[in-house]
Amino acid sequence: MNDFSKDELKSLLEKQKGLCVSIYLPTYRAGAESQQNQIRLRNLLREAEEKLVARGCRPQDAKSLLEPAQSLVGNVLFWRQQKDGLAIFAAPGIFRRYCLPAAFPELAVVDDRFHFKPLLPVLSSEERFYILALSQNGVRILEGSAFSAAEVDLETIPKNLADALQLDQPEKQVRFRAGAAGGQGGMISGHGADIEDTKDNILKYFRQVDKGLRDFLKEERVPLVMAGVEYLLPIYREANTYPHLVGEGIPGNPKGMNADQLHKAAWQIVKPLFTKAQTEAIAQYRQSSGTGLTSSRIEEILSAAVHGRVAVLFIALDVQRFGAFDAERGEVRLDEAMQPGDVDLLDFAALQTVLSGGKVFALPPDDVPDRLPLAAILRY
């Protein structure tokens, strides 16, 4: 299971019961470091088992609860399918694991509910993007993060132009030859009506590609970067219905580019977008201070988050505030250390914000406005 969506989050929130185990670890897709993946998981499972027993779970019950996760340690095929991070959730009757494009710190949490804070950058779509590598002979979709990109297998997308149009005469397809600038441009073989006919066929092809992407990208708000010879890019823009397609594309034939090369080129395009969104949100917070539309008070933010009033939430990474929140009274109890029945209130505020369609920026503590554990821009 490689996708984590709001629907998955809702499902886990509804089903969690008894002691819940949340495990996070960074994973490597290849190379010598990938050999550490299994060792890290084995160590975290041992830590989780010890914490379960310390919370009153019988040793045999703890082993049974973690058995599905334990079976992953020796699963060679599973480790060949990694991205940048692995998240595992286990509770009585529940086992979920997600390979995700985010490098998590090693963490094993045992609590009365699942721990979701490390997933906030994934849920809020920060530093995630897709690459659409286009050619007449094939289309590739890659999912990228700040660290790497990996191909996504989508059966809903036609294999190539001929497959999409079921052409019996492939010689009618337009052919490109590289321009003088190292393949950055492209020239079309053919002339007159044949070229226009081919453009129409490519547009039909790309509309099928766009249609195949709709279900896959239906809940996404992350950038989509095109890669292809320059002639193809404006044709795909005409076919596109995904609202977050990036205007700038990667010129050149993507057939000769591997995942690392495509990632490097795409990251240069999308990195300023991520930085800009965060910078603009912080500027908006500062400009709105004193208007009643911002807050850094945990009581006010928790109440606003529960009622869907938080538009943007800034939350400090690796910081926890344990306690309880009474939504009906709007009262908060903060504890110095975690007590039975307590939750991480920062985690709770972030989850409520995400579920109501708000934006969450999980930042280093010093980057949060007012340098407090959390701050918010309110909708009203």
Protein backbone atom coordinates (compact mmCIF):
# COMPACT_ATOMS: atom_id res chain seq x y z
CA MET A 1 0.00 0.00 0.00
CA ASN A 2 1.72 3.15 -1.23
CA ASP A 3 -0.89 5.92 -1.08
CA PHE A 4 -1.90 7.88 2.00
CA SER A 5 -4.91 10.11 1.45
CA LYS A 6 -7.45 11.94 3.57
CA ASP A 7 -9.73 8.93 3.16
CA GLU A 8 -7.02 6.68 4.60
CA LEU A 9 -6.54 9.09 7.47
CA LYS A 10 -10.27 9.15 8.23
CA SER A 11 -10.37 5.37 8.13
CA LEU A 12 -7.52 5.02 10.60
CA LEU A 13 -9.00 7.65 12.91
CA GLU A 14 -12.32 5.79 12.97
CA LYS A 15 -10.87 2.32 13.49
CA GLN A 16 -8.17 2.95 16.07
CA LYS A 17 -8.83 1.16 19.34
CA GLY A 18 -6.75 -0.31 22.13
CA LEU A 19 -3.02 0.32 22.07
CA CYS A 20 -1.90 1.69 18.70
CA VAL A 21 1.60 1.32 17.26
CA SER A 22 2.96 3.90 14.82
CA ILE A 23 6.36 3.25 13.23
CA TYR A 24 8.29 5.54 10.90
CA LEU A 25 11.65 5.06 9.26
CA PRO A 26 13.65 6.39 6.31
CA THR A 27 14.14 3.91 3.48
CA TYR A 28 16.56 3.75 0.59
CA ARG A 29 15.56 2.51 -2.85
CA ALA A 30 18.95 1.17 -3.93
CA GLY A 31 22.64 1.10 -3.12
CA ALA A 32 24.53 -0.04 -0.06
CA GLU A 33 22.36 2.04 2.28
CA SER A 34 19.27 0.07 1.27
CA GLN A 35 20.66 -2.88 3.24
CA GLN A 36 19.96 -0.89 6.41
CA ASN A 37 16.19 -0.79 5.75
CA GLN A 38 15.46 -4.19 7.27
CA ILE A 39 17.79 -3.60 10.22
CA ARG A 40 16.07 -0.31 11.05
CA LEU A 41 12.63 -1.90 10.94
CA ARG A 42 13.73 -4.84 13.08
CA ASN A 43 15.13 -2.47 15.72
CA LEU A 44 12.00 -0.30 15.73
CA LEU A 45 9.76 -3.35 16.09
CA ARG A 46 11.80 -4.46 19.08
CA GLU A 47 11.40 -0.97 20.59
CA ALA A 48 7.64 -1.01 19.92
CA GLU A 49 7.29 -4.43 21.54
CA GLU A 50 9.05 -3.20 24.67
CA LYS A 51 6.78 -0.15 24.83
CA LEU A 52 3.67 -2.31 24.42
CA VAL A 53 4.71 -4.51 27.33
CA ALA A 54 5.52 -1.42 29.42
CA ARG A 55 1.96 -0.18 28.75
CA GLY A 56 0.53 -3.42 30.19
CA CYS A 57 0.25 -5.54 27.05
CA ARG A 58 1.05 -9.24 27.55
CA PRO A 59 4.29 -10.24 25.74
CA GLN A 60 2.49 -12.79 23.55
CA ASP A 61 -0.19 -10.25 22.61
CA ALA A 62 2.50 -7.72 21.75
CA LYS A 63 4.19 -10.21 19.44
CA SER A 64 0.88 -11.06 17.78
CA LEU A 65 0.04 -7.41 17.22
CA LEU A 66 3.39 -6.78 15.53
CA GLU A 67 3.51 -10.05 13.59
CA PRO A 68 2.29 -8.56 10.25
CA ALA A 69 4.98 -5.88 10.46
CA GLN A 70 7.57 -8.46 11.51
CA SER A 71 6.83 -10.47 8.36
CA LEU A 72 8.00 -7.52 6.25
CA VAL A 73 11.57 -7.77 7.56
CA GLY A 74 12.38 -10.81 5.43
CA ASN A 75 10.16 -9.91 2.47
CA VAL A 76 12.67 -9.32 -0.33
CA LEU A 77 10.04 -8.22 -2.86
CA PHE A 78 8.65 -5.63 -0.43
CA TRP A 79 12.05 -3.98 0.02
CA ARG A 80 12.42 -3.64 -3.74
CA GLN A 81 9.37 -1.38 -3.84
CA GLN A 82 10.54 1.32 -1.46
CA LYS A 83 10.35 5.07 -1.80
CA ASP A 84 11.92 7.49 0.70
CA GLY A 85 10.08 6.51 3.87
CA LEU A 86 7.96 3.79 5.43
CA ALA A 87 5.01 4.31 7.80
CA ILE A 88 3.40 1.39 9.63
CA PHE A 89 0.24 1.41 11.77
CA ALA A 90 -0.81 -1.55 13.88
CA ALA A 91 -3.61 -1.98 16.42
CA PRO A 92 -6.02 -4.80 17.30
CA GLY A 93 -7.57 -5.83 13.98
CA ILE A 94 -5.62 -3.18 12.01
CA PHE A 95 -2.41 -3.30 10.01
CA ARG A 96 -1.48 -0.71 7.40
CA ARG A 97 1.86 0.13 5.82
CA TYR A 98 2.68 2.94 3.41
CA CYS A 99 5.75 3.48 1.24
CA LEU A 100 5.90 7.24 0.81
CA PRO A 101 8.04 9.96 -0.83
CA ALA A 102 9.14 11.47 2.48
CA ALA A 103 12.23 10.63 4.51
CA PHE A 104 10.95 10.10 8.07
CA PRO A 105 13.12 10.09 11.18
CA GLU A 106 13.19 6.74 12.97
CA LEU A 107 10.30 6.63 15.40
CA ALA A 108 8.24 4.04 17.28
CA VAL A 109 5.21 5.37 19.17
CA VAL A 110 2.80 3.33 21.32
CA ASP A 111 -0.28 5.25 22.39
CA ASP A 112 -4.06 5.10 22.67
CA ARG A 113 -4.24 6.47 19.13
CA PHE A 114 -2.05 6.55 16.06
CA HIS A 115 0.66 9.19 15.72
CA PHE A 116 0.34 11.07 12.42
CA LYS A 117 2.52 14.16 12.80
CA PRO A 118 5.42 12.87 10.60
CA LEU A 119 2.87 12.45 7.80
CA LEU A 120 1.78 16.08 7.83
CA PRO A 121 4.12 17.16 5.01
CA VAL A 122 2.67 14.34 2.89
CA LEU A 123 -0.92 15.16 3.80
CA SER A 124 -0.47 18.86 3.15
CA SER A 125 1.24 18.12 -0.17
CA GLU A 126 4.43 19.93 0.71
CA GLU A 127 7.47 19.10 -1.40
CA ARG A 128 5.70 16.46 -3.43
CA PHE A 129 5.19 16.62 -7.16
CA TYR A 130 4.67 14.49 -10.24
CA ILE A 131 6.53 14.36 -13.51
CA LEU A 132 4.72 13.53 -16.74
CA ALA A 133 7.26 12.37 -19.32
CA LEU A 134 5.59 12.60 -22.72
CA SER A 135 6.39 11.07 -26.07
CA GLN A 136 4.47 9.43 -28.87
CA ASN A 137 6.10 6.12 -28.02
CA GLY A 138 5.18 6.11 -24.36
CA VAL A 139 4.19 8.07 -21.26
CA ARG A 140 5.83 7.80 -17.85
CA ILE A 141 4.53 9.13 -14.55
CA LEU A 142 7.02 9.71 -11.75
CA GLU A 143 6.29 10.72 -8.18
CA GLY A 144 8.91 13.02 -6.72
CA SER A 145 9.98 14.53 -3.44
CA ALA A 146 12.85 16.79 -2.46
CA PHE A 147 15.10 13.74 -2.45
CA SER A 148 14.23 11.55 -5.43
CA ALA A 149 11.64 10.43 -7.96
CA ALA A 150 10.30 6.99 -8.83
CA GLU A 151 8.07 5.74 -11.61
CA VAL A 152 4.40 5.05 -10.89
CA ASP A 153 2.70 2.22 -12.76
CA LEU A 154 -0.67 3.38 -14.11
CA GLU A 155 -2.67 0.98 -16.26
CA THR A 156 -5.26 3.65 -17.06
CA ILE A 157 -2.89 5.51 -19.39
CA PRO A 158 -2.49 4.41 -23.03
CA LYS A 159 0.90 2.88 -23.81
CA ASN A 160 1.59 5.09 -26.81
CA LEU A 161 -0.08 7.13 -29.55
CA ALA A 162 -0.76 4.13 -31.75
CA ASP A 163 -2.32 2.24 -28.87
CA ALA A 164 -4.49 5.21 -27.95
CA LEU A 165 -5.80 5.78 -31.45
CA GLN A 166 -5.61 2.15 -32.60
CA LEU A 167 -3.81 3.28 -35.72
CA ASP A 168 -3.26 0.66 -38.37
CA GLN A 169 -0.75 2.81 -40.20
CA PRO A 170 1.92 3.85 -37.69
CA GLU A 171 3.93 5.47 -40.49
CA LYS A 172 1.46 8.37 -40.26
CA GLN A 173 2.75 9.27 -36.82
CA VAL A 174 4.77 12.42 -36.63
CA ARG A 175 8.50 11.89 -36.14
CA PHE A 176 10.89 14.22 -34.36
CA ARG A 177 14.54 14.82 -34.91
CA ALA A 178 16.65 16.66 -32.37
CA GLY A 179 17.27 20.34 -32.79
CA ALA A 180 20.71 21.85 -32.81
CA ALA A 181 20.75 22.59 -29.08
CA GLY A 182 21.36 19.09 -27.78
CA GLY A 183 17.79 17.90 -28.33
CA GLN A 184 16.24 20.83 -26.47
CA GLY A 185 14.01 21.60 -29.41
CA GLY A 186 12.31 19.36 -31.91
CA MET A 187 11.42 19.43 -35.58
CA ILE A 188 8.44 17.76 -37.21
CA SER A 189 8.81 15.53 -40.23
CA GLY A 190 5.99 16.04 -42.71
CA HIS A 191 4.14 19.02 -44.09
CA GLY A 192 0.80 20.60 -44.78
CA ALA A 193 -2.38 18.76 -43.90
CA ASP A 194 -0.42 15.73 -42.66
CA ILE A 195 1.08 17.80 -39.85
CA GLU A 196 -2.28 19.23 -38.82
CA ASP A 197 -3.80 15.75 -38.89
CA THR A 198 -0.97 14.50 -36.69
CA LYS A 199 -1.45 17.36 -34.23
CA ASP A 200 -5.11 16.40 -33.93
CA ASN A 201 -4.14 12.78 -33.29
CA ILE A 202 -1.63 13.79 -30.62
CA LEU A 203 -4.28 15.97 -28.97
CA LYS A 204 -6.66 13.01 -28.90
CA TYR A 205 -3.87 10.87 -27.45
CA PHE A 206 -3.09 13.41 -24.74
CA ARG A 207 -6.76 13.75 -23.85
CA GLN A 208 -6.77 10.03 -23.13
CA VAL A 209 -3.63 10.45 -21.02
CA ASP A 210 -5.31 13.29 -19.12
CA LYS A 211 -8.41 11.15 -18.61
CA GLY A 212 -6.28 8.31 -17.27
CA LEU A 213 -4.67 10.69 -14.78
CA ARG A 214 -7.93 12.07 -13.39
CA ASP A 215 -8.71 9.32 -10.88
CA PHE A 216 -5.07 9.09 -9.85
CA LEU A 217 -4.77 12.83 -9.22
CA LYS A 218 -8.34 13.51 -8.10
CA GLU A 219 -7.47 14.55 -4.51
CA GLU A 220 -4.00 15.88 -5.25
CA ARG A 221 -2.98 19.52 -5.16
CA VAL A 222 0.68 19.02 -5.93
CA PRO A 223 2.53 20.35 -8.99
CA LEU A 224 2.63 18.30 -12.18
CA VAL A 225 5.68 18.98 -14.37
CA MET A 226 5.75 17.99 -18.03
CA ALA A 227 8.83 16.65 -19.80
CA GLY A 228 8.94 16.32 -23.56
CA VAL A 229 10.10 17.83 -26.83
CA GLU A 230 8.94 21.42 -27.00
CA TYR A 231 6.37 20.79 -29.73
CA LEU A 232 4.41 18.39 -27.48
CA LEU A 233 4.18 20.55 -24.36
CA PRO A 234 1.62 23.13 -25.60
CA ILE A 235 -0.48 20.34 -27.09
CA TYR A 236 -0.66 18.62 -23.71
CA ARG A 237 -1.53 21.91 -22.01
CA GLU A 238 -4.54 22.13 -24.31
CA ALA A 239 -5.64 18.62 -23.30
CA ASN A 240 -4.94 19.02 -19.60
CA THR A 241 -7.68 19.34 -16.97
CA TYR A 242 -5.48 19.01 -13.85
CA PRO A 243 -5.47 22.48 -12.22
CA HIS A 244 -1.93 22.25 -10.84
CA LEU A 245 -0.03 21.66 -14.07
CA VAL A 246 3.14 23.77 -13.95
CA GLY A 247 3.61 26.21 -16.82
CA GLU A 248 7.32 25.52 -17.22
CA GLY A 249 8.27 22.11 -18.56
CA ILE A 250 11.43 20.06 -19.04
CA PRO A 251 12.38 20.37 -22.73
CA GLY A 252 13.99 17.49 -24.59
CA ASN A 253 13.25 13.86 -25.30
CA PRO A 254 12.56 12.18 -21.92
CA LYS A 255 13.29 8.75 -23.39
CA GLY A 256 16.98 9.40 -22.82
CA MET A 257 16.49 10.64 -19.24
CA ASN A 258 16.43 8.36 -16.22
CA ALA A 259 14.52 9.03 -12.99
CA ASP A 260 17.43 10.87 -11.37
CA GLN A 261 17.86 13.21 -14.33
CA LEU A 262 14.15 13.95 -14.53
CA HIS A 263 14.02 14.54 -10.77
CA LYS A 264 16.93 16.98 -10.85
CA ALA A 265 15.37 19.00 -13.67
CA ALA A 266 11.87 18.98 -12.16
CA TRP A 267 13.09 19.89 -8.67
CA GLN A 268 14.67 23.08 -10.03
CA ILE A 269 11.23 24.02 -11.37
CA VAL A 270 9.09 23.17 -8.34
CA LYS A 271 11.41 24.11 -5.47
CA PRO A 272 10.66 27.86 -5.77
CA LEU A 273 6.92 27.04 -5.74
CA PHE A 274 7.20 25.32 -2.35
CA THR A 275 9.37 28.06 -0.90
CA LYS A 276 7.03 30.72 -2.27
CA ALA A 277 3.91 29.14 -0.75
CA GLN A 278 5.47 28.95 2.71
CA THR A 279 6.92 32.46 2.51
CA GLU A 280 3.59 33.93 1.37
CA ALA A 281 1.70 32.14 4.14
CA ILE A 282 4.04 33.49 6.82
CA ALA A 283 3.77 36.99 5.32
CA GLN A 284 -0.03 36.70 5.34
CA TYR A 285 0.07 35.71 9.01
CA ARG A 286 2.14 38.75 9.91
CA GLN A 287 0.01 41.12 7.84
CA SER A 288 -3.17 39.76 9.45
CA SER A 289 -1.89 39.98 13.03
CA GLY A 290 -4.16 42.13 15.17
CA THR A 291 -7.19 41.64 12.91
CA GLY A 292 -8.62 38.69 14.82
CA LEU A 293 -7.81 36.35 11.92
CA THR A 294 -4.61 34.97 13.42
CA SER A 295 -3.87 33.14 16.64
CA SER A 296 -1.01 31.45 18.45
CA ARG A 297 -3.14 30.41 21.45
CA ILE A 298 -3.52 26.68 21.60
CA GLU A 299 -7.05 26.87 23.08
CA GLU A 300 -8.35 29.12 20.33
CA ILE A 301 -6.63 27.17 17.55
CA LEU A 302 -7.94 23.81 18.75
CA SER A 303 -11.50 25.10 18.86
CA ALA A 304 -11.15 26.72 15.42
CA ALA A 305 -9.63 23.56 13.94
CA VAL A 306 -12.48 21.37 15.22
CA HIS A 307 -15.02 23.72 13.62
CA GLY A 308 -13.16 23.97 10.29
CA ARG A 309 -12.10 27.59 10.76
CA VAL A 310 -8.33 27.13 10.31
CA ALA A 311 -7.19 28.07 6.82
CA VAL A 312 -3.45 27.73 7.47
CA LEU A 313 -1.71 26.07 10.40
CA PHE A 314 1.97 26.38 11.22
CA ILE A 315 3.19 23.62 13.50
CA ALA A 316 6.59 22.90 15.03
CA LEU A 317 8.22 19.64 14.05
CA ASP A 318 9.54 17.37 16.80
CA VAL A 319 7.56 19.29 19.46
CA GLN A 320 4.72 17.76 21.46
CA ARG A 321 2.11 19.23 23.80
CA PHE A 322 0.24 16.54 25.72
CA GLY A 323 -3.16 17.05 27.22
CA ALA A 324 -6.88 16.88 26.51
CA PHE A 325 -9.35 19.10 24.69
CA ASP A 326 -13.06 19.39 25.48
CA ALA A 327 -14.59 20.47 22.16
CA GLU A 328 -17.99 21.32 23.66
CA ARG A 329 -16.57 23.66 26.27
CA GLY A 330 -13.52 24.75 24.32
CA GLU A 331 -11.34 23.91 27.32
CA VAL A 332 -7.79 22.61 27.14
CA ARG A 333 -5.79 20.75 29.78
CA LEU A 334 -2.03 20.74 29.31
CA ASP A 335 0.18 18.20 31.11
CA GLU A 336 3.91 18.33 31.66
CA ALA A 337 4.19 14.66 30.68
CA MET A 338 1.80 12.34 28.90
CA GLN A 339 -0.99 11.03 31.09
CA PRO A 340 -3.49 8.21 30.37
CA GLY A 341 -6.03 9.49 27.85
CA ASP A 342 -3.83 12.38 26.73
CA VAL A 343 -3.19 13.22 23.08
CA ASP A 344 -0.56 15.30 21.37
CA LEU A 345 -2.64 18.46 20.95
CA LEU A 346 -0.43 19.79 18.15
CA ASP A 347 -0.97 16.58 16.22
CA PHE A 348 -4.71 16.81 16.89
CA ALA A 349 -4.92 20.41 15.62
CA ALA A 350 -3.03 19.51 12.45
CA LEU A 351 -5.25 16.52 11.68
CA GLN A 352 -8.43 18.55 12.13
CA THR A 353 -7.03 21.24 9.84
CA VAL A 354 -6.14 18.75 7.11
CA LEU A 355 -9.54 17.04 7.30
CA SER A 356 -11.34 20.38 6.87
CA GLY A 357 -9.27 21.30 3.82
CA GLY A 358 -6.82 23.65 5.52
CA LYS A 359 -3.13 23.95 4.74
CA VAL A 360 -0.52 22.73 7.21
CA PHE A 361 3.11 23.80 7.24
CA ALA A 362 5.22 21.56 9.48
CA LEU A 363 8.31 23.67 10.20
CA PRO A 364 11.41 23.74 12.37
CA PRO A 365 10.42 25.41 15.69
CA ASP A 366 12.31 28.64 14.96
CA ASP A 367 10.48 29.05 11.65
CA VAL A 368 6.99 28.99 13.14
CA PRO A 369 5.56 32.55 13.38
CA ASP A 370 6.08 34.03 16.85
CA ARG A 371 8.38 31.03 17.53
CA LEU A 372 5.60 29.23 19.36
CA PRO A 373 4.62 25.54 18.92
CA LEU A 374 1.77 26.48 16.61
CA ALA A 375 0.15 29.45 14.92
CA ALA A 376 -2.84 29.78 12.63
CA ILE A 377 -4.54 31.93 10.04
CA LEU A 378 -8.30 31.68 10.53
CA ARG A 379 -10.95 31.64 7.83
CA TYR A 380 -13.24 33.82 9.92
